[in-house]
C-alpha atoms as a PDB file:
ATOM      1  CA  MET A   1       2.664  38.602 -10.371  1.00  0.00           C
ATOM      2  CA  SER A   2       5.462  36.369  -8.815  1.00  0.00           C
ATOM      3  CA  GLN A   3       5.853  32.861 -10.297  1.00  0.00           C
ATOM      4  CA  VAL A   4       7.610  30.129  -8.581  1.00  0.00           C
ATOM      5  CA  ALA A   5       8.843  26.952 -10.149  1.00  0.00           C
ATOM      6  CA  ILE A   6       7.260  23.662  -9.751  1.00  0.00           C
ATOM      7  CA  THR A   7      10.479  22.089  -8.322  1.00  0.00           C
ATOM      8  CA  ASP A   8      10.875  24.864  -5.557  1.00  0.00           C
ATOM      9  CA  ARG A   9       9.742  23.782  -2.126  1.00  0.00           C
ATOM     10  CA  SER A  10       8.046  25.914   0.263  1.00  0.00           C
ATOM     11  CA  PRO A  11      10.399  26.759   3.195  1.00  0.00           C
ATOM     12  CA  ARG A  12       7.816  25.247   5.458  1.00  0.00           C
ATOM     13  CA  SER A  13       7.397  22.173   3.703  1.00  0.00           C
ATOM     14  CA  PRO A  14       8.671  19.226   5.586  1.00  0.00           C
ATOM     15  CA  PRO A  15      11.218  17.032   4.114  1.00  0.00           C
ATOM     16  CA  TYR A  16       9.828  13.659   2.691  1.00  0.00           C
ATOM     17  CA  GLN A  17       9.729  10.602   5.106  1.00  0.00           C
ATOM     18  CA  ARG A  18       9.203   7.379   3.614  1.00  0.00           C
ATOM     19  CA  HIS A  19       6.055   5.298   5.036  1.00  0.00           C
ATOM     20  CA  ARG A  20       6.876   1.754   5.995  1.00  0.00           C
ATOM     21  CA  PRO A  21       3.641  -0.139   5.887  1.00  0.00           C
ATOM     22  CA  GLU A  22       5.422  -3.450   6.385  1.00  0.00           C
ATOM     23  CA  GLN A  23       6.392  -2.597   9.848  1.00  0.00           C
ATOM     24  CA  THR A  24       2.783  -2.002  10.885  1.00  0.00           C
ATOM     25  CA  LEU A  25       0.966  -4.857  12.774  1.00  0.00           C
ATOM     26  CA  LEU A  26      -2.190  -4.746  10.252  1.00  0.00           C
ATOM     27  CA  TYR A  27       0.209  -5.142   7.296  1.00  0.00           C
ATOM     28  CA  GLN A  28       2.156  -7.973   8.937  1.00  0.00           C
ATOM     29  CA  ILE A  29      -0.981  -9.870   9.916  1.00  0.00           C
ATOM     30  CA  ILE A  30      -2.526  -9.563   6.462  1.00  0.00           C
ATOM     31  CA  GLU A  31       0.563 -10.583   4.791  1.00  0.00           C
ATOM     32  CA  ARG A  32       1.093 -13.579   7.039  1.00  0.00           C
ATOM     33  CA  HIS A  33      -2.671 -14.866   7.222  1.00  0.00           C
ATOM     34  CA  TYR A  34      -4.418 -13.415   4.338  1.00  0.00           C
ATOM     35  CA  PRO A  35      -3.016 -16.253   1.824  1.00  0.00           C
ATOM     36  CA  LYS A  36      -3.969 -18.997   4.021  1.00  0.00           C
ATOM     37  CA  PHE A  37      -7.564 -17.633   4.488  1.00  0.00           C
ATOM     38  CA  ARG A  38      -7.947 -17.199   0.831  1.00  0.00           C
ATOM     39  CA  ASP A  39      -6.910 -20.745   0.212  1.00  0.00           C
ATOM     40  CA  VAL A  40      -9.262 -22.142   3.018  1.00  0.00           C
ATOM     41  CA  MET A  41     -12.301 -20.121   1.804  1.00  0.00           C
ATOM     42  CA  ALA A  42     -11.572 -21.541  -1.681  1.00  0.00           C
ATOM     43  CA  ALA A  43     -11.240 -25.257  -0.486  1.00  0.00           C
ATOM     44  CA  GLN A  44     -14.780 -24.724   1.039  1.00  0.00           C
ATOM     45  CA  ASP A  45     -16.183 -23.680  -2.235  1.00  0.00           C
ATOM     46  CA  LYS A  46     -16.620 -20.197  -0.930  1.00  0.00           C
ATOM     47  CA  PRO A  47     -13.875 -18.105  -2.872  1.00  0.00           C
ATOM     48  CA  LEU A  48     -13.444 -14.495  -2.013  1.00  0.00           C
ATOM     49  CA  PRO A  49     -14.927 -12.308  -4.603  1.00  0.00           C
ATOM     50  CA  LEU A  50     -12.326 -10.989  -7.271  1.00  0.00           C
ATOM     51  CA  HIS A  51     -12.940  -7.405  -6.110  1.00  0.00           C
ATOM     52  CA  VAL A  52     -11.864  -8.449  -2.479  1.00  0.00           C
ATOM     53  CA  GLN A  53      -8.968 -10.344  -3.546  1.00  0.00           C
ATOM     54  CA  GLN A  54      -7.741  -7.472  -5.497  1.00  0.00           C
ATOM     55  CA  GLU A  55      -8.275  -5.124  -2.644  1.00  0.00           C
ATOM     56  CA  PHE A  56      -5.812  -7.192  -0.405  1.00  0.00           C
ATOM     57  CA  ALA A  57      -3.248  -7.454  -3.406  1.00  0.00           C
ATOM     58  CA  ASP A  58      -3.331  -3.776  -3.834  1.00  0.00           C
ATOM     59  CA  TYR A  59      -2.896  -3.238  -0.071  1.00  0.00           C
ATOM     60  CA  LEU A  60       0.233  -5.534   0.222  1.00  0.00           C
ATOM     61  CA  LYS A  61       1.598  -3.588  -2.520  1.00  0.00           C
ATOM     62  CA  CYS A  62       0.770   0.150  -1.344  1.00  0.00           C
ATOM     63  CA  GLY A  63       3.694   1.949  -0.020  1.00  0.00           C
ATOM     64  CA  ARG A  64       6.388  -0.487  -1.032  1.00  0.00           C
ATOM     65  CA  LEU A  65       9.018   1.075  -2.881  1.00  0.00           C
ATOM     66  CA  GLU A  66       9.736  -2.180  -5.134  1.00  0.00           C
ATOM     67  CA  HIS A  67       6.200  -1.543  -6.496  1.00  0.00           C
ATOM     68  CA  GLY A  68       7.182   2.036  -7.458  1.00  0.00           C
ATOM     69  CA  PHE A  69       6.455   5.372  -6.035  1.00  0.00           C
ATOM     70  CA  LEU A  70       5.174   8.895  -6.778  1.00  0.00           C
ATOM     71  CA  ARG A  71       6.120  12.161  -4.962  1.00  0.00           C
ATOM     72  CA  VAL A  72       3.981  14.965  -5.538  1.00  0.00           C
END
């Protein structure tokens, strides 16, 4: 039985291309308007649940190299 080293790439495997979420319209809208929305809701005594705030924070970090990456 033939074994292939983990570091070997398949000849059909495409080269890695980095995603750039910061260039998408959705990302730009959330990045620009979410902090103000969160603050307005808190000022009205209707703060967003912590799990929602965490999801937005995670979304804004996802795909950004300054927050690390993993290539599998």
